[in-house]
Amino acid sequence: MKKRKVARSFFSIAAMASMLTACADPTGPVFGDWYGFQPLPVPNGSLSIELVLDGAPNAQSGHYRLHRQSLWGGDMLFNRSDSLDGTWSIKNVTVQGHTWKQVNLNGAQLNIWQYVLLPNGYLVPTNDQGAPEMGQGGWGCCRLAPRARNSFGYGRA
């Protein structure tokens, strides 16, 4: 009887350890992982954004996963959490003699679906010409910061 109880305990510990290991890493190659906050049209309201682009480091397209959490200032009844997905693609766009890496997100209802990948790793919304919006409407409010590849949350949106 004691042997059986010890064997069951060992099995349940091993099963839990394998589940935790599976949760710790993304399931495949990750092109990049970003996070940030974007404003809602109410005082003290914002969206928490986590965006993962799946694909090899040199990929030009792939699948994305996005987690969006709305944080309304006063009334928590409107707080909401969405997990969205779709496809992404990256292309070089030349605007006024400067070439930018433009990232397009397709397949979901997104507030911002077009970003520029800056050399420092940040994603910044594009302006009307396709260049990064570096003013209050882009860099100041809606940029997404890259997560370090060795961080716990990397690749888990």
N, C-alpha and C. Protein backbone atom coordinates (compact mmCIF):
# COMPACT_ATOMS: atom_id res chain seq x y z
N MET A 1 0.82 -1.19 0.00
CA MET A 1 0.00 0.00 0.00
C MET A 1 0.86 1.25 0.00
N LYS A 2 1.93 1.27 0.80
CA LYS A 2 2.80 2.44 0.86
C LYS A 2 3.50 2.67 -0.47
N LYS A 3 3.94 1.61 -1.13
CA LYS A 3 4.63 1.75 -2.42
C LYS A 3 3.72 2.41 -3.44
N ARG A 4 2.47 2.01 -3.46
CA ARG A 4 1.52 2.58 -4.41
C ARG A 4 1.32 4.07 -4.17
N LYS A 5 1.22 4.48 -2.90
CA LYS A 5 1.02 5.88 -2.56
C LYS A 5 2.24 6.71 -2.96
N VAL A 6 3.44 6.18 -2.73
CA VAL A 6 4.67 6.88 -3.12
C VAL A 6 4.74 6.99 -4.64
N ALA A 7 4.39 5.93 -5.34
CA ALA A 7 4.43 5.95 -6.81
C ALA A 7 3.45 6.98 -7.35
N ARG A 8 2.23 7.05 -6.79
CA ARG A 8 1.26 8.05 -7.23
C ARG A 8 1.76 9.46 -6.96
N SER A 9 2.35 9.69 -5.80
CA SER A 9 2.87 11.02 -5.47
C SER A 9 3.96 11.42 -6.44
N PHE A 10 4.87 10.47 -6.73
CA PHE A 10 5.95 10.77 -7.66
C PHE A 10 5.39 11.08 -9.04
N PHE A 11 4.39 10.30 -9.49
CA PHE A 11 3.80 10.54 -10.80
C PHE A 11 3.14 11.90 -10.86
N SER A 12 2.39 12.30 -9.82
CA SER A 12 1.71 13.59 -9.85
C SER A 12 2.71 14.74 -9.81
N ILE A 13 3.82 14.58 -9.08
CA ILE A 13 4.85 15.62 -9.07
C ILE A 13 5.50 15.72 -10.44
N ALA A 14 5.80 14.59 -11.06
CA ALA A 14 6.41 14.59 -12.40
C ALA A 14 5.45 15.19 -13.43
N ALA A 15 4.16 14.89 -13.32
CA ALA A 15 3.18 15.46 -14.26
C ALA A 15 3.09 16.97 -14.09
N MET A 16 3.08 17.44 -12.84
CA MET A 16 3.02 18.88 -12.61
C MET A 16 4.28 19.57 -13.14
N ALA A 17 5.43 18.96 -12.95
CA ALA A 17 6.67 19.55 -13.44
C ALA A 17 6.67 19.64 -14.95
N SER A 18 6.16 18.62 -15.63
CA SER A 18 6.13 18.67 -17.10
C SER A 18 5.14 19.72 -17.60
N MET A 19 4.02 19.91 -16.88
CA MET A 19 3.07 20.95 -17.28
C MET A 19 3.68 22.33 -17.09
N LEU A 20 4.40 22.54 -15.99
CA LEU A 20 5.04 23.83 -15.75
C LEU A 20 6.11 24.12 -16.80
N THR A 21 6.87 23.10 -17.18
CA THR A 21 7.89 23.27 -18.21
C THR A 21 7.23 23.65 -19.52
N ALA A 22 6.11 23.03 -19.85
CA ALA A 22 5.42 23.35 -21.10
C ALA A 22 4.91 24.78 -21.09
N CYS A 23 4.51 25.30 -19.93
CA CYS A 23 4.01 26.66 -19.85
C CYS A 23 5.12 27.70 -19.89
N ALA A 24 6.34 27.31 -19.57
CA ALA A 24 7.42 28.27 -19.44
C ALA A 24 7.97 28.73 -20.78
N ASP A 25 7.81 27.95 -21.83
CA ASP A 25 8.38 28.30 -23.12
C ASP A 25 7.31 28.40 -24.18
N PRO A 26 7.54 29.23 -25.20
CA PRO A 26 6.60 29.24 -26.33
C PRO A 26 6.64 27.90 -27.05
N THR A 27 5.60 27.59 -27.79
CA THR A 27 5.52 26.29 -28.44
C THR A 27 6.32 26.19 -29.73
N GLY A 28 6.80 27.27 -30.25
CA GLY A 28 7.58 27.25 -31.47
C GLY A 28 8.47 28.47 -31.53
N PRO A 29 9.12 28.69 -32.67
CA PRO A 29 10.00 29.86 -32.77
C PRO A 29 9.20 31.16 -32.67
N VAL A 30 9.78 32.14 -32.01
CA VAL A 30 9.13 33.44 -31.82
C VAL A 30 9.98 34.52 -32.49
N PHE A 31 9.37 35.23 -33.44
CA PHE A 31 10.04 36.35 -34.10
C PHE A 31 10.26 37.49 -33.11
N GLY A 32 9.24 37.78 -32.29
CA GLY A 32 9.37 38.83 -31.30
C GLY A 32 8.17 38.90 -30.38
N ASP A 33 8.35 39.58 -29.25
CA ASP A 33 7.32 39.70 -28.23
C ASP A 33 7.36 41.13 -27.70
N TRP A 34 6.22 41.80 -27.67
CA TRP A 34 6.13 43.21 -27.26
C TRP A 34 4.98 43.40 -26.28
N TYR A 35 5.06 44.48 -25.52
CA TYR A 35 3.99 44.83 -24.59
C TYR A 35 3.93 46.34 -24.45
N GLY A 36 2.79 46.84 -24.01
CA GLY A 36 2.64 48.27 -23.80
C GLY A 36 1.21 48.61 -23.45
N PHE A 37 0.96 49.91 -23.37
CA PHE A 37 -0.36 50.43 -23.04
C PHE A 37 -0.79 51.42 -24.11
N GLN A 38 -2.06 51.38 -24.46
CA GLN A 38 -2.62 52.31 -25.44
C GLN A 38 -3.86 52.93 -24.83
N PRO A 39 -4.15 54.19 -25.13
CA PRO A 39 -5.26 54.89 -24.46
C PRO A 39 -6.64 54.43 -24.93
N LEU A 40 -7.60 54.55 -24.03
CA LEU A 40 -9.01 54.40 -24.37
C LEU A 40 -9.61 55.81 -24.37
N PRO A 41 -10.74 56.01 -25.05
CA PRO A 41 -11.31 57.36 -25.13
C PRO A 41 -12.08 57.79 -23.88
N VAL A 42 -11.56 57.46 -22.72
CA VAL A 42 -12.15 57.88 -21.45
C VAL A 42 -11.02 58.30 -20.51
N PRO A 43 -11.29 59.16 -19.55
CA PRO A 43 -10.23 59.54 -18.60
C PRO A 43 -9.73 58.32 -17.83
N ASN A 44 -8.44 58.22 -17.71
CA ASN A 44 -7.78 57.13 -16.97
C ASN A 44 -8.05 55.74 -17.53
N GLY A 45 -8.44 55.64 -18.78
CA GLY A 45 -8.67 54.33 -19.39
C GLY A 45 -7.53 53.96 -20.31
N SER A 46 -7.19 52.68 -20.35
CA SER A 46 -6.12 52.24 -21.25
C SER A 46 -6.31 50.78 -21.62
N LEU A 47 -5.60 50.39 -22.65
CA LEU A 47 -5.54 49.00 -23.08
C LEU A 47 -4.14 48.49 -22.77
N SER A 48 -4.07 47.36 -22.13
CA SER A 48 -2.80 46.67 -21.94
C SER A 48 -2.68 45.71 -23.12
N ILE A 49 -1.56 45.80 -23.85
CA ILE A 49 -1.36 45.00 -25.05
C ILE A 49 -0.16 44.10 -24.88
N GLU A 50 -0.32 42.82 -25.20
CA GLU A 50 0.79 41.88 -25.31
C GLU A 50 0.70 41.28 -26.71
N LEU A 51 1.76 41.39 -27.48
CA LEU A 51 1.77 40.95 -28.87
C LEU A 51 2.95 40.02 -29.10
N VAL A 52 2.67 38.83 -29.64
CA VAL A 52 3.71 37.87 -30.00
C VAL A 52 3.59 37.57 -31.48
N LEU A 53 4.70 37.75 -32.20
CA LEU A 53 4.78 37.35 -33.60
C LEU A 53 5.53 36.03 -33.64
N ASP A 54 4.83 34.97 -34.04
CA ASP A 54 5.46 33.66 -34.16
C ASP A 54 6.21 33.58 -35.47
N GLY A 55 7.34 32.92 -35.45
CA GLY A 55 8.15 32.73 -36.65
C GLY A 55 9.62 32.77 -36.31
N ALA A 56 10.44 32.30 -37.22
CA ALA A 56 11.88 32.30 -37.03
C ALA A 56 12.38 33.75 -36.96
N PRO A 57 13.57 33.98 -36.40
CA PRO A 57 14.10 35.35 -36.29
C PRO A 57 14.22 36.09 -37.63
N ASN A 58 14.34 35.37 -38.72
CA ASN A 58 14.46 36.02 -40.03
C ASN A 58 13.17 35.93 -40.85
N ALA A 59 12.06 35.57 -40.21
CA ALA A 59 10.78 35.40 -40.91
C ALA A 59 10.28 36.72 -41.49
N GLN A 60 9.54 36.65 -42.57
CA GLN A 60 8.90 37.80 -43.18
C GLN A 60 7.39 37.79 -42.96
N SER A 61 6.87 36.69 -42.43
CA SER A 61 5.44 36.57 -42.15
C SER A 61 5.23 35.40 -41.19
N GLY A 62 4.02 35.33 -40.68
CA GLY A 62 3.70 34.25 -39.76
C GLY A 62 2.37 34.50 -39.08
N HIS A 63 2.20 33.88 -37.96
CA HIS A 63 0.98 33.94 -37.16
C HIS A 63 1.26 34.83 -35.95
N TYR A 64 0.27 35.63 -35.52
CA TYR A 64 0.45 36.42 -34.30
C TYR A 64 -0.59 36.05 -33.26
N ARG A 65 -0.24 36.34 -32.01
CA ARG A 65 -1.14 36.20 -30.86
C ARG A 65 -1.11 37.52 -30.12
N LEU A 66 -2.28 38.03 -29.78
CA LEU A 66 -2.37 39.31 -29.10
C LEU A 66 -3.33 39.18 -27.93
N HIS A 67 -2.91 39.63 -26.77
CA HIS A 67 -3.80 39.69 -25.61
C HIS A 67 -4.04 41.16 -25.32
N ARG A 68 -5.31 41.52 -25.21
CA ARG A 68 -5.72 42.91 -24.99
C ARG A 68 -6.62 42.95 -23.76
N GLN A 69 -6.22 43.75 -22.79
CA GLN A 69 -6.99 43.91 -21.54
C GLN A 69 -7.38 45.37 -21.42
N SER A 70 -8.69 45.66 -21.42
CA SER A 70 -9.12 47.05 -21.25
C SER A 70 -9.20 47.36 -19.77
N LEU A 71 -8.69 48.54 -19.42
CA LEU A 71 -8.67 49.00 -18.04
C LEU A 71 -9.37 50.35 -18.00
N TRP A 72 -10.65 50.35 -17.63
CA TRP A 72 -11.43 51.57 -17.56
C TRP A 72 -11.20 52.22 -16.22
N GLY A 73 -11.06 53.53 -16.23
CA GLY A 73 -10.71 54.28 -15.03
C GLY A 73 -11.63 54.08 -13.85
N GLY A 74 -12.90 54.35 -13.97
CA GLY A 74 -13.78 54.33 -12.82
C GLY A 74 -14.63 53.09 -12.70
N ASP A 75 -15.23 52.65 -13.79
CA ASP A 75 -16.20 51.57 -13.74
C ASP A 75 -15.59 50.26 -14.22
N MET A 76 -15.36 49.38 -13.28
CA MET A 76 -14.72 48.11 -13.62
C MET A 76 -15.65 47.17 -14.40
N LEU A 77 -16.93 47.50 -14.48
CA LEU A 77 -17.86 46.66 -15.24
C LEU A 77 -17.48 46.59 -16.72
N PHE A 78 -16.79 47.61 -17.22
CA PHE A 78 -16.43 47.64 -18.64
C PHE A 78 -15.08 47.00 -18.92
N ASN A 79 -14.33 46.60 -17.88
CA ASN A 79 -13.05 45.94 -18.10
C ASN A 79 -13.28 44.63 -18.85
N ARG A 80 -12.39 44.37 -19.79
CA ARG A 80 -12.58 43.21 -20.65
C ARG A 80 -11.23 42.67 -21.08
N SER A 81 -11.18 41.38 -21.32
CA SER A 81 -9.95 40.73 -21.77
C SER A 81 -10.24 39.98 -23.07
N ASP A 82 -9.41 40.21 -24.09
CA ASP A 82 -9.58 39.52 -25.38
C ASP A 82 -8.27 38.88 -25.79
N SER A 83 -8.35 37.71 -26.35
CA SER A 83 -7.21 37.08 -27.00
C SER A 83 -7.53 37.02 -28.48
N LEU A 84 -6.69 37.66 -29.27
CA LEU A 84 -6.90 37.75 -30.71
C LEU A 84 -5.74 37.09 -31.43
N ASP A 85 -5.99 36.65 -32.65
CA ASP A 85 -4.90 36.12 -33.45
C ASP A 85 -5.17 36.37 -34.92
N GLY A 86 -4.17 36.14 -35.72
CA GLY A 86 -4.26 36.35 -37.15
C GLY A 86 -2.89 36.16 -37.76
N THR A 87 -2.66 36.78 -38.90
CA THR A 87 -1.38 36.67 -39.56
C THR A 87 -0.67 38.01 -39.56
N TRP A 88 0.64 37.96 -39.67
CA TRP A 88 1.45 39.17 -39.74
C TRP A 88 2.38 39.05 -40.93
N SER A 89 2.79 40.21 -41.42
CA SER A 89 3.80 40.25 -42.48
C SER A 89 4.66 41.49 -42.26
N ILE A 90 5.87 41.42 -42.76
CA ILE A 90 6.79 42.54 -42.64
C ILE A 90 7.32 42.86 -44.04
N LYS A 91 7.42 44.14 -44.32
CA LYS A 91 7.97 44.55 -45.62
C LYS A 91 8.73 45.84 -45.44
N ASN A 92 9.68 46.07 -46.31
CA ASN A 92 10.44 47.32 -46.29
C ASN A 92 9.66 48.37 -47.06
N VAL A 93 9.53 49.55 -46.44
CA VAL A 93 8.82 50.67 -47.04
C VAL A 93 9.76 51.87 -47.01
N THR A 94 9.92 52.54 -48.14
CA THR A 94 10.77 53.73 -48.20
C THR A 94 9.89 54.97 -48.19
N VAL A 95 10.14 55.84 -47.20
CA VAL A 95 9.41 57.09 -47.04
C VAL A 95 10.43 58.22 -46.92
N GLN A 96 10.35 59.17 -47.82
CA GLN A 96 11.26 60.33 -47.82
C GLN A 96 12.72 59.91 -47.71
N GLY A 97 13.10 58.90 -48.50
CA GLY A 97 14.49 58.46 -48.56
C GLY A 97 14.95 57.57 -47.43
N HIS A 98 14.09 57.26 -46.48
CA HIS A 98 14.46 56.38 -45.38
C HIS A 98 13.65 55.08 -45.47
N THR A 99 14.32 53.95 -45.32
CA THR A 99 13.64 52.65 -45.40
C THR A 99 13.29 52.16 -44.00
N TRP A 100 12.02 51.79 -43.84
CA TRP A 100 11.49 51.29 -42.57
C TRP A 100 10.98 49.87 -42.73
N LYS A 101 11.03 49.08 -41.64
CA LYS A 101 10.42 47.75 -41.63
C LYS A 101 9.01 47.91 -41.10
N GLN A 102 8.03 47.75 -41.99
CA GLN A 102 6.63 47.92 -41.64
C GLN A 102 6.02 46.56 -41.31
N VAL A 103 5.41 46.45 -40.14
CA VAL A 103 4.76 45.22 -39.68
C VAL A 103 3.26 45.41 -39.78
N ASN A 104 2.60 44.53 -40.53
CA ASN A 104 1.15 44.58 -40.71
C ASN A 104 0.50 43.39 -40.00
N LEU A 105 -0.54 43.67 -39.22
CA LEU A 105 -1.31 42.63 -38.54
C LEU A 105 -2.64 42.49 -39.25
N ASN A 106 -3.00 41.27 -39.62
CA ASN A 106 -4.24 41.00 -40.35
C ASN A 106 -5.09 39.99 -39.59
N GLY A 107 -6.41 40.17 -39.66
CA GLY A 107 -7.30 39.12 -39.18
C GLY A 107 -8.08 39.40 -37.92
N ALA A 108 -8.00 40.56 -37.34
CA ALA A 108 -8.77 40.83 -36.12
C ALA A 108 -9.18 42.30 -36.08
N GLN A 109 -10.09 42.61 -35.20
CA GLN A 109 -10.52 43.99 -34.99
C GLN A 109 -9.49 44.66 -34.08
N LEU A 110 -8.55 45.37 -34.67
CA LEU A 110 -7.49 46.01 -33.91
C LEU A 110 -7.59 47.53 -34.01
N ASN A 111 -7.25 48.21 -32.94
CA ASN A 111 -7.19 49.67 -32.98
C ASN A 111 -6.02 50.11 -33.85
N ILE A 112 -4.90 49.45 -33.71
CA ILE A 112 -3.70 49.74 -34.51
C ILE A 112 -3.27 48.43 -35.17
N TRP A 113 -3.16 48.43 -36.47
CA TRP A 113 -2.80 47.21 -37.18
C TRP A 113 -1.53 47.35 -38.00
N GLN A 114 -0.94 48.53 -38.00
CA GLN A 114 0.26 48.76 -38.79
C GLN A 114 1.31 49.47 -37.93
N TYR A 115 2.47 48.84 -37.81
CA TYR A 115 3.56 49.36 -37.00
C TYR A 115 4.83 49.44 -37.82
N VAL A 116 5.82 50.20 -37.30
CA VAL A 116 7.17 50.19 -37.83
C VAL A 116 8.06 49.58 -36.75
N LEU A 117 8.89 48.62 -37.16
CA LEU A 117 9.86 48.01 -36.26
C LEU A 117 11.12 48.87 -36.29
N LEU A 118 11.38 49.57 -35.19
CA LEU A 118 12.53 50.46 -35.10
C LEU A 118 13.81 49.66 -34.83
N PRO A 119 14.98 50.22 -35.15
CA PRO A 119 16.24 49.52 -34.89
C PRO A 119 16.45 49.15 -33.41
N ASN A 120 15.84 49.90 -32.49
CA ASN A 120 15.98 49.58 -31.06
C ASN A 120 14.99 48.50 -30.60
N GLY A 121 14.20 47.94 -31.52
CA GLY A 121 13.29 46.85 -31.19
C GLY A 121 11.87 47.26 -30.87
N TYR A 122 11.61 48.56 -30.71
CA TYR A 122 10.25 49.02 -30.40
C TYR A 122 9.37 48.94 -31.65
N LEU A 123 8.08 48.71 -31.42
CA LEU A 123 7.06 48.83 -32.47
C LEU A 123 6.34 50.14 -32.24
N VAL A 124 6.25 50.96 -33.31
CA VAL A 124 5.60 52.26 -33.23
C VAL A 124 4.56 52.33 -34.34
N PRO A 125 3.34 52.82 -34.06
CA PRO A 125 2.33 52.94 -35.11
C PRO A 125 2.86 53.80 -36.27
N THR A 126 2.34 53.53 -37.46
CA THR A 126 2.75 54.31 -38.63
C THR A 126 1.91 55.58 -38.74
N ASN A 127 2.46 56.56 -39.44
CA ASN A 127 1.68 57.74 -39.78
C ASN A 127 1.04 57.50 -41.15
N ASP A 128 0.39 58.50 -41.71
CA ASP A 128 -0.32 58.33 -42.99
C ASP A 128 0.61 57.97 -44.15
N GLN A 129 1.88 58.33 -44.06
CA GLN A 129 2.83 58.03 -45.13
C GLN A 129 3.51 56.67 -44.95
N GLY A 130 3.31 56.00 -43.82
CA GLY A 130 3.93 54.70 -43.59
C GLY A 130 5.21 54.77 -42.77
N ALA A 131 5.61 55.96 -42.34
CA ALA A 131 6.79 56.13 -41.48
C ALA A 131 6.33 55.99 -40.02
N PRO A 132 7.27 55.80 -39.08
CA PRO A 132 6.87 55.71 -37.68
C PRO A 132 6.33 57.05 -37.18
N GLU A 133 5.24 56.99 -36.44
CA GLU A 133 4.66 58.19 -35.82
C GLU A 133 5.41 58.42 -34.52
N MET A 134 6.34 59.37 -34.54
CA MET A 134 7.19 59.59 -33.38
C MET A 134 6.68 60.68 -32.45
N GLY A 135 5.52 61.25 -32.74
CA GLY A 135 4.94 62.28 -31.89
C GLY A 135 4.07 61.68 -30.80
N GLN A 136 3.22 62.52 -30.24
CA GLN A 136 2.34 62.10 -29.15
C GLN A 136 1.38 61.00 -29.59
N GLY A 137 0.98 60.99 -30.85
CA GLY A 137 0.04 59.98 -31.34
C GLY A 137 0.64 58.61 -31.55
N GLY A 138 1.95 58.47 -31.53
CA GLY A 138 2.58 57.18 -31.75
C GLY A 138 3.53 56.81 -30.63
N TRP A 139 4.72 57.45 -30.65
CA TRP A 139 5.72 57.16 -29.62
C TRP A 139 5.19 57.52 -28.25
N GLY A 140 4.51 58.64 -28.14
CA GLY A 140 4.05 59.12 -26.84
C GLY A 140 2.92 58.31 -26.24
N CYS A 141 2.12 57.65 -27.05
CA CYS A 141 0.97 56.94 -26.49
C CYS A 141 0.94 55.45 -26.78
N CYS A 142 1.44 55.02 -27.93
CA CYS A 142 1.05 53.69 -28.41
C CYS A 142 2.19 52.76 -28.78
N ARG A 143 3.42 53.12 -28.43
CA ARG A 143 4.54 52.23 -28.78
C ARG A 143 4.46 50.96 -27.96
N LEU A 144 5.02 49.90 -28.49
CA LEU A 144 5.11 48.63 -27.78
C LEU A 144 6.59 48.32 -27.56
N ALA A 145 6.95 48.00 -26.34
CA ALA A 145 8.34 47.73 -25.98
C ALA A 145 8.64 46.25 -26.15
N PRO A 146 9.86 45.94 -26.61
CA PRO A 146 10.22 44.53 -26.77
C PRO A 146 10.48 43.88 -25.41
N ARG A 147 10.09 42.61 -25.30
CA ARG A 147 10.43 41.83 -24.11
C ARG A 147 11.77 41.15 -24.36
N ALA A 148 12.56 41.02 -23.33
CA ALA A 148 13.83 40.30 -23.44
C ALA A 148 13.56 38.82 -23.69
N ARG A 149 14.34 38.23 -24.58
CA ARG A 149 14.14 36.81 -24.92
C ARG A 149 14.28 35.88 -23.72
N ASN A 150 14.99 36.31 -22.69
CA ASN A 150 15.15 35.44 -21.52
C ASN A 150 14.16 35.77 -20.40
N SER A 151 13.15 36.62 -20.68
CA SER A 151 12.17 36.96 -19.65
C SER A 151 11.15 35.84 -19.51
N PHE A 152 10.53 35.76 -18.35
CA PHE A 152 9.57 34.70 -18.08
C PHE A 152 8.37 34.75 -19.01
N GLY A 153 7.87 35.93 -19.33
CA GLY A 153 6.67 36.06 -20.14
C GLY A 153 6.89 35.96 -21.63
N TYR A 154 8.15 35.87 -22.08
CA TYR A 154 8.44 35.92 -23.52
C TYR A 154 7.66 34.85 -24.28
N GLY A 155 6.96 35.29 -25.33
CA GLY A 155 6.25 34.37 -26.22
C GLY A 155 4.96 33.79 -25.69
N ARG A 156 4.38 34.38 -24.63
CA ARG A 156 3.23 33.76 -23.99
C ARG A 156 1.94 34.55 -24.08
N ALA A 157 1.80 35.50 -24.98
CA ALA A 157 0.56 36.31 -25.04
C ALA A 157 -0.68 35.47 -25.18
